[in-house]
Amino acid sequence: ALVRLPDSPNPNSVKPMSDAQSEFFRAPPSGVLARG
């Protein structure tokens, strides 16, 4: 494996989700039955 070290062991310091991704993750799928 090619090994790369992140800047910090804390995943928040790596690259958190963008605002758009966070909003998408929190929103229920539109017009369909959700699995949870």
Full PDB file with SEQRES, HELIX, SHEET, SSBOND, CRYST1, ORIGX, SCALE, CONECT and MASTER records, all heavy atoms in Angstrom:
SEQRES   1 A   36  ALA LEU VAL ARG LEU PRO ASP SER PRO ASN PRO ASN SER          
SEQRES   2 A   36  VAL LYS PRO MET SER ASP ALA GLN SER GLU PHE PHE ARG          
SEQRES   3 A   36  ALA PRO PRO SER GLY VAL LEU ALA ARG GLY                      
HELIX    1 AA1 PRO A   11  SER A   13  5                                   3    
HELIX    2 AA2 ASP A   19  ARG A   26  1                                   8    
CRYST1    1.000    1.000    1.000  90.00  90.00  90.00 P 1           1          
ORIGX1      1.000000  0.000000  0.000000        0.00000                         
ORIGX2      0.000000  1.000000  0.000000        0.00000                         
ORIGX3      0.000000  0.000000  1.000000        0.00000                         
SCALE1      1.000000  0.000000  0.000000        0.00000                         
SCALE2      0.000000  1.000000  0.000000        0.00000                         
SCALE3      0.000000  0.000000  1.000000        0.00000                         
ATOM      1  N   ALA A   1       0.832  -1.203   0.000  1.00  0.00           N  
ATOM      2  CA  ALA A   1       0.000   0.000   0.000  1.00  0.00           C  
ATOM      3  C   ALA A   1       0.866   1.253   0.000  1.00  0.00           C  
ATOM      4  O   ALA A   1       1.918   1.323   0.638  1.00  0.00           O  
ATOM      5  CB  ALA A   1      -0.913  -0.001   1.227  1.00  0.00           C  
ATOM      6  N   LEU A   2       0.401   2.271  -0.725  1.00  0.00           N  
ATOM      7  CA  LEU A   2       0.988   3.602  -0.648  1.00  0.00           C  
ATOM      8  C   LEU A   2       0.431   4.264   0.605  1.00  0.00           C  
ATOM      9  O   LEU A   2      -0.791   4.351   0.771  1.00  0.00           O  
ATOM     10  CB  LEU A   2       0.637   4.419  -1.883  1.00  0.00           C  
ATOM     11  CG  LEU A   2       1.031   3.817  -3.242  1.00  0.00           C  
ATOM     12  CD1 LEU A   2       0.616   4.749  -4.374  1.00  0.00           C  
ATOM     13  CD2 LEU A   2       2.516   3.503  -3.314  1.00  0.00           C  
ATOM     14  N   VAL A   3       1.303   4.719   1.490  1.00  0.00           N  
ATOM     15  CA  VAL A   3       0.874   5.258   2.779  1.00  0.00           C  
ATOM     16  C   VAL A   3       0.975   6.781   2.766  1.00  0.00           C  
ATOM     17  O   VAL A   3       1.980   7.348   2.336  1.00  0.00           O  
ATOM     18  CB  VAL A   3       1.730   4.684   3.922  1.00  0.00           C  
ATOM     19  CG1 VAL A   3       1.353   5.326   5.252  1.00  0.00           C  
ATOM     20  CG2 VAL A   3       1.550   3.162   3.996  1.00  0.00           C  
ATOM     21  N   ARG A   4      -0.084   7.418   3.246  1.00  0.00           N  
ATOM     22  CA  ARG A   4      -0.123   8.874   3.398  1.00  0.00           C  
ATOM     23  C   ARG A   4      -0.573   9.180   4.820  1.00  0.00           C  
ATOM     24  O   ARG A   4      -1.456   8.513   5.350  1.00  0.00           O  
ATOM     25  CB  ARG A   4      -1.093   9.478   2.381  1.00  0.00           C  
ATOM     26  CG  ARG A   4      -1.178  10.991   2.402  1.00  0.00           C  
ATOM     27  CD  ARG A   4      -2.112  11.497   1.302  1.00  0.00           C  
ATOM     28  NE  ARG A   4      -3.499  11.148   1.541  1.00  0.00           N  
ATOM     29  CZ  ARG A   4      -4.513  11.487   0.741  1.00  0.00           C  
ATOM     30  NH1 ARG A   4      -4.266  12.154  -0.374  1.00  0.00           N  
ATOM     31  NH2 ARG A   4      -5.751  11.141   1.032  1.00  0.00           N  
ATOM     32  N   LEU A   5       0.037  10.176   5.438  1.00  0.00           N  
ATOM     33  CA  LEU A   5      -0.342  10.557   6.793  1.00  0.00           C  
ATOM     34  C   LEU A   5      -1.232  11.792   6.756  1.00  0.00           C  
ATOM     35  O   LEU A   5      -0.856  12.802   6.143  1.00  0.00           O  
ATOM     36  CB  LEU A   5       0.896  10.853   7.640  1.00  0.00           C  
ATOM     37  CG  LEU A   5       1.947   9.753   7.758  1.00  0.00           C  
ATOM     38  CD1 LEU A   5       3.041  10.196   8.727  1.00  0.00           C  
ATOM     39  CD2 LEU A   5       1.337   8.442   8.206  1.00  0.00           C  
ATOM     40  N   PRO A   6      -2.403  11.752   7.401  1.00  0.00           N  
ATOM     41  CA  PRO A   6      -3.217  12.969   7.512  1.00  0.00           C  
ATOM     42  C   PRO A   6      -2.530  13.969   8.423  1.00  0.00           C  
ATOM     43  O   PRO A   6      -1.644  13.621   9.216  1.00  0.00           O  
ATOM     44  CB  PRO A   6      -4.529  12.467   8.107  1.00  0.00           C  
ATOM     45  CG  PRO A   6      -4.181  11.207   8.803  1.00  0.00           C  
ATOM     46  CD  PRO A   6      -3.031  10.591   8.047  1.00  0.00           C  
ATOM     47  N   ASP A   7      -2.933  15.218   8.314  1.00  0.00           N  
ATOM     48  CA  ASP A   7      -2.301  16.268   9.112  1.00  0.00           C  
ATOM     49  C   ASP A   7      -2.516  16.073  10.603  1.00  0.00           C  
ATOM     50  O   ASP A   7      -1.721  16.528  11.420  1.00  0.00           O  
ATOM     51  CB  ASP A   7      -2.828  17.645   8.697  1.00  0.00           C  
ATOM     52  CG  ASP A   7      -2.419  17.997   7.282  1.00  0.00           C  
ATOM     53  OD1 ASP A   7      -1.380  17.481   6.828  1.00  0.00           O  
ATOM     54  OD2 ASP A   7      -3.143  18.769   6.623  1.00  0.00           O  
ATOM     55  N   SER A   8      -3.622  15.415  10.971  1.00  0.00           N  
ATOM     56  CA  SER A   8      -3.931  15.215  12.387  1.00  0.00           C  
ATOM     57  C   SER A   8      -4.706  13.922  12.547  1.00  0.00           C  
ATOM     58  O   SER A   8      -5.473  13.538  11.665  1.00  0.00           O  
ATOM     59  CB  SER A   8      -4.768  16.382  12.918  1.00  0.00           C  
ATOM     60  OG  SER A   8      -5.327  16.069  14.180  1.00  0.00           O  
ATOM     61  N   PRO A   9      -4.509  13.220  13.663  1.00  0.00           N  
ATOM     62  CA  PRO A   9      -5.311  12.017  13.909  1.00  0.00           C  
ATOM     63  C   PRO A   9      -6.795  12.317  14.074  1.00  0.00           C  
ATOM     64  O   PRO A   9      -7.628  11.423  13.971  1.00  0.00           O  
ATOM     65  CB  PRO A   9      -4.728  11.450  15.211  1.00  0.00           C  
ATOM     66  CG  PRO A   9      -3.385  12.075  15.345  1.00  0.00           C  
ATOM     67  CD  PRO A   9      -3.491  13.429  14.698  1.00  0.00           C  
ATOM     68  N   ASN A  10      -7.142  13.562  14.346  1.00  0.00           N  
ATOM     69  CA  ASN A  10      -8.540  13.940  14.542  1.00  0.00           C  
ATOM     70  C   ASN A  10      -9.221  14.073  13.184  1.00  0.00           C  
ATOM     71  O   ASN A  10      -8.834  14.920  12.378  1.00  0.00           O  
ATOM     72  CB  ASN A  10      -8.607  15.276  15.290  1.00  0.00           C  
ATOM     73  CG  ASN A  10     -10.035  15.713  15.563  1.00  0.00           C  
ATOM     74  OD1 ASN A  10     -10.973  15.137  15.041  1.00  0.00           O  
ATOM     75  ND2 ASN A  10     -10.177  16.731  16.390  1.00  0.00           N  
ATOM     76  N   PRO A  11     -10.224  13.261  12.878  1.00  0.00           N  
ATOM     77  CA  PRO A  11     -10.843  13.335  11.554  1.00  0.00           C  
ATOM     78  C   PRO A  11     -11.447  14.688  11.240  1.00  0.00           C  
ATOM     79  O   PRO A  11     -11.540  15.071  10.086  1.00  0.00           O  
ATOM     80  CB  PRO A  11     -11.924  12.238  11.596  1.00  0.00           C  
ATOM     81  CG  PRO A  11     -12.163  11.984  13.046  1.00  0.00           C  
ATOM     82  CD  PRO A  11     -10.859  12.243  13.725  1.00  0.00           C  
ATOM     83  N   ASN A  12     -11.854  15.452  12.265  1.00  0.00           N  
ATOM     84  CA  ASN A  12     -12.389  16.780  11.993  1.00  0.00           C  
ATOM     85  C   ASN A  12     -11.342  17.689  11.367  1.00  0.00           C  
ATOM     86  O   ASN A  12     -11.664  18.656  10.684  1.00  0.00           O  
ATOM     87  CB  ASN A  12     -12.898  17.433  13.284  1.00  0.00           C  
ATOM     88  CG  ASN A  12     -14.236  16.881  13.706  1.00  0.00           C  
ATOM     89  OD1 ASN A  12     -15.080  16.602  12.869  1.00  0.00           O  
ATOM     90  ND2 ASN A  12     -14.425  16.703  14.999  1.00  0.00           N  
ATOM     91  N   SER A  13     -10.076  17.366  11.614  1.00  0.00           N  
ATOM     92  CA  SER A  13      -9.014  18.189  11.074  1.00  0.00           C  
ATOM     93  C   SER A  13      -8.615  17.754   9.674  1.00  0.00           C  
ATOM     94  O   SER A  13      -7.794  18.403   9.043  1.00  0.00           O  
ATOM     95  CB  SER A  13      -7.786  18.128  11.988  1.00  0.00           C  
ATOM     96  OG  SER A  13      -8.106  18.563  13.287  1.00  0.00           O  
ATOM     97  N   VAL A  14      -9.159  16.630   9.229  1.00  0.00           N  
ATOM     98  CA  VAL A  14      -8.799  16.163   7.900  1.00  0.00           C  
ATOM     99  C   VAL A  14      -9.543  16.984   6.859  1.00  0.00           C  
ATOM    100  O   VAL A  14      -8.976  17.803   6.162  1.00  0.00           O  
ATOM    101  CB  VAL A  14      -9.131  14.661   7.727  1.00  0.00           C  
ATOM    102  CG1 VAL A  14      -8.723  14.187   6.354  1.00  0.00           C  
ATOM    103  CG2 VAL A  14      -8.418  13.859   8.801  1.00  0.00           C  
ATOM    104  N   LYS A  15     -10.832  16.776   6.776  1.00  0.00           N  
ATOM    105  CA  LYS A  15     -11.651  17.541   5.852  1.00  0.00           C  
ATOM    106  C   LYS A  15     -13.102  17.211   6.151  1.00  0.00           C  
ATOM    107  O   LYS A  15     -13.635  16.223   5.650  1.00  0.00           O  
ATOM    108  CB  LYS A  15     -11.311  17.204   4.396  1.00  0.00           C  
ATOM    109  CG  LYS A  15     -11.930  18.175   3.401  1.00  0.00           C  
ATOM    110  CD  LYS A  15     -11.424  17.885   1.999  1.00  0.00           C  
ATOM    111  CE  LYS A  15     -11.959  18.901   1.003  1.00  0.00           C  
ATOM    112  NZ  LYS A  15     -11.514  18.599  -0.370  1.00  0.00           N  
ATOM    113  N   PRO A  16     -13.758  17.984   7.006  1.00  0.00           N  
ATOM    114  CA  PRO A  16     -15.147  17.672   7.331  1.00  0.00           C  
ATOM    115  C   PRO A  16     -16.034  17.805   6.106  1.00  0.00           C  
ATOM    116  O   PRO A  16     -15.644  18.381   5.090  1.00  0.00           O  
ATOM    117  CB  PRO A  16     -15.496  18.711   8.399  1.00  0.00           C  
ATOM    118  CG  PRO A  16     -14.543  19.827   8.169  1.00  0.00           C  
ATOM    119  CD  PRO A  16     -13.281  19.209   7.658  1.00  0.00           C  
ATOM    120  N   MET A  17     -17.237  17.262   6.224  1.00  0.00           N  
ATOM    121  CA  MET A  17     -18.171  17.373   5.117  1.00  0.00           C  
ATOM    122  C   MET A  17     -18.468  18.841   4.833  1.00  0.00           C  
ATOM    123  O   MET A  17     -18.510  19.673   5.730  1.00  0.00           O  
ATOM    124  CB  MET A  17     -19.475  16.640   5.444  1.00  0.00           C  
ATOM    125  CG  MET A  17     -19.352  15.140   5.480  1.00  0.00           C  
ATOM    126  SD  MET A  17     -20.961  14.346   5.580  1.00  0.00           S  
ATOM    127  CE  MET A  17     -21.529  14.911   7.161  1.00  0.00           C  
ATOM    128  N   SER A  18     -18.692  19.127   3.564  1.00  0.00           N  
ATOM    129  CA  SER A  18     -19.096  20.475   3.197  1.00  0.00           C  
ATOM    130  C   SER A  18     -20.502  20.742   3.726  1.00  0.00           C  
ATOM    131  O   SER A  18     -21.242  19.815   4.083  1.00  0.00           O  
ATOM    132  CB  SER A  18     -19.083  20.625   1.676  1.00  0.00           C  
ATOM    133  OG  SER A  18     -20.084  19.802   1.099  1.00  0.00           O  
ATOM    134  N   ASP A  19     -20.891  22.013   3.753  1.00  0.00           N  
ATOM    135  CA  ASP A  19     -22.242  22.353   4.215  1.00  0.00           C  
ATOM    136  C   ASP A  19     -23.287  21.659   3.359  1.00  0.00           C  
ATOM    137  O   ASP A  19     -24.306  21.179   3.862  1.00  0.00           O  
ATOM    138  CB  ASP A  19     -22.430  23.872   4.171  1.00  0.00           C  
ATOM    139  CG  ASP A  19     -21.582  24.588   5.220  1.00  0.00           C  
ATOM    140  OD1 ASP A  19     -21.149  23.913   6.169  1.00  0.00           O  
ATOM    141  OD2 ASP A  19     -21.365  25.798   5.070  1.00  0.00           O  
ATOM    142  N   ALA A  20     -23.032  21.614   2.040  1.00  0.00           N  
ATOM    143  CA  ALA A  20     -24.004  20.985   1.142  1.00  0.00           C  
ATOM    144  C   ALA A  20     -24.129  19.497   1.438  1.00  0.00           C  
ATOM    145  O   ALA A  20     -25.232  18.938   1.442  1.00  0.00           O  
ATOM    146  CB  ALA A  20     -23.587  21.202  -0.317  1.00  0.00           C  
ATOM    147  N   GLN A  21     -22.993  18.844   1.706  1.00  0.00           N  
ATOM    148  CA  GLN A  21     -23.050  17.417   2.012  1.00  0.00           C  
ATOM    149  C   GLN A  21     -23.754  17.166   3.344  1.00  0.00           C  
ATOM    150  O   GLN A  21     -24.562  16.246   3.461  1.00  0.00           O  
ATOM    151  CB  GLN A  21     -21.635  16.840   2.059  1.00  0.00           C  
ATOM    152  CG  GLN A  21     -21.009  16.671   0.683  1.00  0.00           C  
ATOM    153  CD  GLN A  21     -19.576  16.225   0.790  1.00  0.00           C  
ATOM    154  OE1 GLN A  21     -18.843  16.695   1.655  1.00  0.00           O  
ATOM    155  NE2 GLN A  21     -19.161  15.324  -0.083  1.00  0.00           N  
ATOM    156  N   SER A  22     -23.462  17.986   4.337  1.00  0.00           N  
ATOM    157  CA  SER A  22     -24.106  17.818   5.635  1.00  0.00           C  
ATOM    158  C   SER A  22     -25.614  18.001   5.509  1.00  0.00           C  
ATOM    159  O   SER A  22     -26.401  17.250   6.090  1.00  0.00           O  
ATOM    160  CB  SER A  22     -23.533  18.819   6.643  1.00  0.00           C  
ATOM    161  OG  SER A  22     -22.178  18.529   6.900  1.00  0.00           O  
ATOM    162  N   GLU A  23     -26.010  18.999   4.740  1.00  0.00           N  
ATOM    163  CA  GLU A  23     -27.447  19.241   4.548  1.00  0.00           C  
ATOM    164  C   GLU A  23     -28.095  18.065   3.838  1.00  0.00           C  
ATOM    165  O   GLU A  23     -29.182  17.615   4.196  1.00  0.00           O  
ATOM    166  CB  GLU A  23     -27.636  20.521   3.734  1.00  0.00           C  
ATOM    167  CG  GLU A  23     -29.108  20.878   3.518  1.00  0.00           C  
ATOM    168  CD  GLU A  23     -29.276  22.177   2.743  1.00  0.00           C  
ATOM    169  OE1 GLU A  23     -28.257  22.877   2.539  1.00  0.00           O  
ATOM    170  OE2 GLU A  23     -30.402  22.470   2.341  1.00  0.00           O  
ATOM    171  N   PHE A  24     -27.379  17.501   2.834  1.00  0.00           N  
ATOM    172  CA  PHE A  24     -27.914  16.360   2.107  1.00  0.00           C  
ATOM    173  C   PHE A  24     -28.064  15.152   3.028  1.00  0.00           C  
ATOM    174  O   PHE A  24     -29.050  14.429   2.985  1.00  0.00           O  
ATOM    175  CB  PHE A  24     -26.982  16.021   0.943  1.00  0.00           C  
ATOM    176  CG  PHE A  24     -27.402  14.813   0.149  1.00  0.00           C  
ATOM    177  CD1 PHE A  24     -28.346  14.919  -0.847  1.00  0.00           C  
ATOM    178  CD2 PHE A  24     -26.850  13.563   0.404  1.00  0.00           C  
ATOM    179  CE1 PHE A  24     -28.732  13.806  -1.579  1.00  0.00           C  
ATOM    180  CE2 PHE A  24     -27.235  12.459  -0.311  1.00  0.00           C  
ATOM    181  CZ  PHE A  24     -28.176  12.591  -1.316  1.00  0.00           C  
ATOM    182  N   PHE A  25     -27.068  14.941   3.884  1.00  0.00           N  
ATOM    183  CA  PHE A  25     -27.100  13.787   4.778  1.00  0.00           C  
ATOM    184  C   PHE A  25     -28.241  13.886   5.779  1.00  0.00           C  
ATOM    185  O   PHE A  25     -28.776  12.884   6.220  1.00  0.00           O  
ATOM    186  CB  PHE A  25     -25.760  13.673   5.516  1.00  0.00           C  
ATOM    187  CG  PHE A  25     -24.829  12.696   4.875  1.00  0.00           C  
ATOM    188  CD1 PHE A  25     -24.471  12.845   3.550  1.00  0.00           C  
ATOM    189  CD2 PHE A  25     -24.329  11.635   5.578  1.00  0.00           C  
ATOM    190  CE1 PHE A  25     -23.611  11.950   2.949  1.00  0.00           C  
ATOM    191  CE2 PHE A  25     -23.460  10.725   4.986  1.00  0.00           C  
ATOM    192  CZ  PHE A  25     -23.104  10.882   3.671  1.00  0.00           C  
ATOM    193  N   ARG A  26     -28.601  15.107   6.162  1.00  0.00           N  
ATOM    194  CA  ARG A  26     -29.645  15.258   7.167  1.00  0.00           C  
ATOM    195  C   ARG A  26     -31.045  15.236   6.556  1.00  0.00           C  
ATOM    196  O   ARG A  26     -32.020  15.043   7.260  1.00  0.00           O  
ATOM    197  CB  ARG A  26     -29.448  16.582   7.918  1.00  0.00           C  
ATOM    198  CG  ARG A  26     -28.228  16.575   8.829  1.00  0.00           C  
ATOM    199  CD  ARG A  26     -28.306  17.748   9.793  1.00  0.00           C  
ATOM    200  NE  ARG A  26     -27.144  17.753  10.685  1.00  0.00           N  
ATOM    201  CZ  ARG A  26     -26.061  18.488  10.487  1.00  0.00           C  
ATOM    202  NH1 ARG A  26     -25.996  19.270   9.440  1.00  0.00           N  
ATOM    203  NH2 ARG A  26     -25.047  18.435  11.328  1.00  0.00           N  
ATOM    204  N   ALA A  27     -31.120  15.457   5.244  1.00  0.00           N  
ATOM    205  CA  ALA A  27     -32.432  15.560   4.614  1.00  0.00           C  
ATOM    206  C   ALA A  27     -32.935  14.186   4.210  1.00  0.00           C  
ATOM    207  O   ALA A  27     -32.180  13.376   3.687  1.00  0.00           O  
ATOM    208  CB  ALA A  27     -32.338  16.444   3.376  1.00  0.00           C  
ATOM    209  N   PRO A  28     -34.236  13.893   4.440  1.00  0.00           N  
ATOM    210  CA  PRO A  28     -34.772  12.603   4.008  1.00  0.00           C  
ATOM    211  C   PRO A  28     -34.840  12.541   2.493  1.00  0.00           C  
ATOM    212  O   PRO A  28     -35.038  13.550   1.832  1.00  0.00           O  
ATOM    213  CB  PRO A  28     -36.181  12.584   4.616  1.00  0.00           C  
ATOM    214  CG  PRO A  28     -36.532  14.019   4.781  1.00  0.00           C  
ATOM    215  CD  PRO A  28     -35.257  14.736   5.091  1.00  0.00           C  
ATOM    216  N   PRO A  29     -34.611  11.360   1.879  1.00  0.00           N  
ATOM    217  CA  PRO A  29     -34.760  11.220   0.444  1.00  0.00           C  
ATOM    218  C   PRO A  29     -36.157  11.659   0.020  1.00  0.00           C  
ATOM    219  O   PRO A  29     -37.153  11.257   0.612  1.00  0.00           O  
ATOM    220  CB  PRO A  29     -34.532   9.723   0.198  1.00  0.00           C  
ATOM    221  CG  PRO A  29     -33.758   9.259   1.400  1.00  0.00           C  
ATOM    222  CD  PRO A  29     -34.245  10.106   2.534  1.00  0.00           C  
ATOM    223  N   SER A  30     -36.217  12.469  -0.999  1.00  0.00           N  
ATOM    224  CA  SER A  30     -37.475  13.096  -1.392  1.00  0.00           C  
ATOM    225  C   SER A  30     -38.419  12.111  -2.053  1.00  0.00           C  
ATOM    226  O   SER A  30     -38.050  11.428  -3.010  1.00  0.00           O  
ATOM    227  CB  SER A  30     -37.175  14.246  -2.368  1.00  0.00           C  
ATOM    228  OG  SER A  30     -38.366  14.820  -2.836  1.00  0.00           O  
ATOM    229  N   GLY A  31     -39.630  12.033  -1.525  1.00  0.00           N  
ATOM    230  CA  GLY A  31     -40.706  11.304  -2.172  1.00  0.00           C  
ATOM    231  C   GLY A  31     -40.569   9.798  -2.167  1.00  0.00           C  
ATOM    232  O   GLY A  31     -41.236   9.120  -2.919  1.00  0.00           O  
ATOM    233  N   VAL A  32     -39.670   9.244  -1.333  1.00  0.00           N  
ATOM    234  CA  VAL A  32     -39.517   7.793  -1.320  1.00  0.00           C  
ATOM    235  C   VAL A  32     -39.541   7.285   0.108  1.00  0.00           C  
ATOM    236  O   VAL A  32     -39.299   8.026   1.058  1.00  0.00           O  
ATOM    237  CB  VAL A  32     -38.186   7.366  -1.996  1.00  0.00           C  
ATOM    238  CG1 VAL A  32     -38.170   7.767  -3.440  1.00  0.00           C  
ATOM    239  CG2 VAL A  32     -36.991   7.956  -1.263  1.00  0.00           C  
ATOM    240  N   LEU A  33     -39.823   6.028   0.245  1.00  0.00           N  
ATOM    241  CA  LEU A  33     -39.798   5.402   1.562  1.00  0.00           C  
ATOM    242  C   LEU A  33     -38.360   5.251   2.020  1.00  0.00           C  
ATOM    243  O   LEU A  33     -37.507   4.770   1.295  1.00  0.00           O  
ATOM    244  CB  LEU A  33     -40.449   4.013   1.480  1.00  0.00           C  
ATOM    245  CG  LEU A  33     -40.420   3.182   2.761  1.00  0.00           C  
ATOM    246  CD1 LEU A  33     -41.268   3.843   3.837  1.00  0.00           C  
ATOM    247  CD2 LEU A  33     -40.895   1.771   2.479  1.00  0.00           C  
ATOM    248  N   ALA A  34     -38.047   5.677   3.215  1.00  0.00           N  
ATOM    249  CA  ALA A  34     -36.684   5.589   3.725  1.00  0.00           C  
ATOM    250  C   ALA A  34     -36.503   4.313   4.527  1.00  0.00           C  
ATOM    251  O   ALA A  34     -37.436   3.814   5.148  1.00  0.00           O  
ATOM    252  CB  ALA A  34     -36.374   6.796   4.598  1.00  0.00           C  
ATOM    253  N   ARG A  35     -35.265   3.811   4.542  1.00  0.00           N  
ATOM    254  CA  ARG A  35     -34.965   2.552   5.212  1.00  0.00           C  
ATOM    255  C   ARG A  35     -34.513   2.780   6.642  1.00  0.00           C  
ATOM    256  O   ARG A  35     -33.445   2.359   7.038  1.00  0.00           O  
ATOM    257  CB  ARG A  35     -33.901   1.801   4.438  1.00  0.00           C  
ATOM    258  CG  ARG A  35     -34.402   1.349   3.084  1.00  0.00           C  
ATOM    259  CD  ARG A  35     -33.558   0.232   2.558  1.00  0.00           C  
ATOM    260  NE  ARG A  35     -34.208  -0.329   1.389  1.00  0.00           N  
ATOM    261  CZ  ARG A  35     -33.892  -1.472   0.828  1.00  0.00           C  
ATOM    262  NH1 ARG A  35     -32.941  -2.197   1.341  1.00  0.00           N  
ATOM    263  NH2 ARG A  35     -34.527  -1.914  -0.222  1.00  0.00           N  
ATOM    264  N   GLY A  36     -35.230   3.488   7.429  1.00  0.00           N  
ATOM    265  CA  GLY A  36     -34.830   3.669   8.813  1.00  0.00           C  
ATOM    266  C   GLY A  36     -35.857   4.466   9.578  1.00  0.00           C  
ATOM    267  O   GLY A  36     -36.676   5.164   9.002  1.00  0.00           O  
TER     268      GLY A  36                                                      
MASTER        0    0    0    2    0    0    0    6  267    1    0    3          
END                                                                             
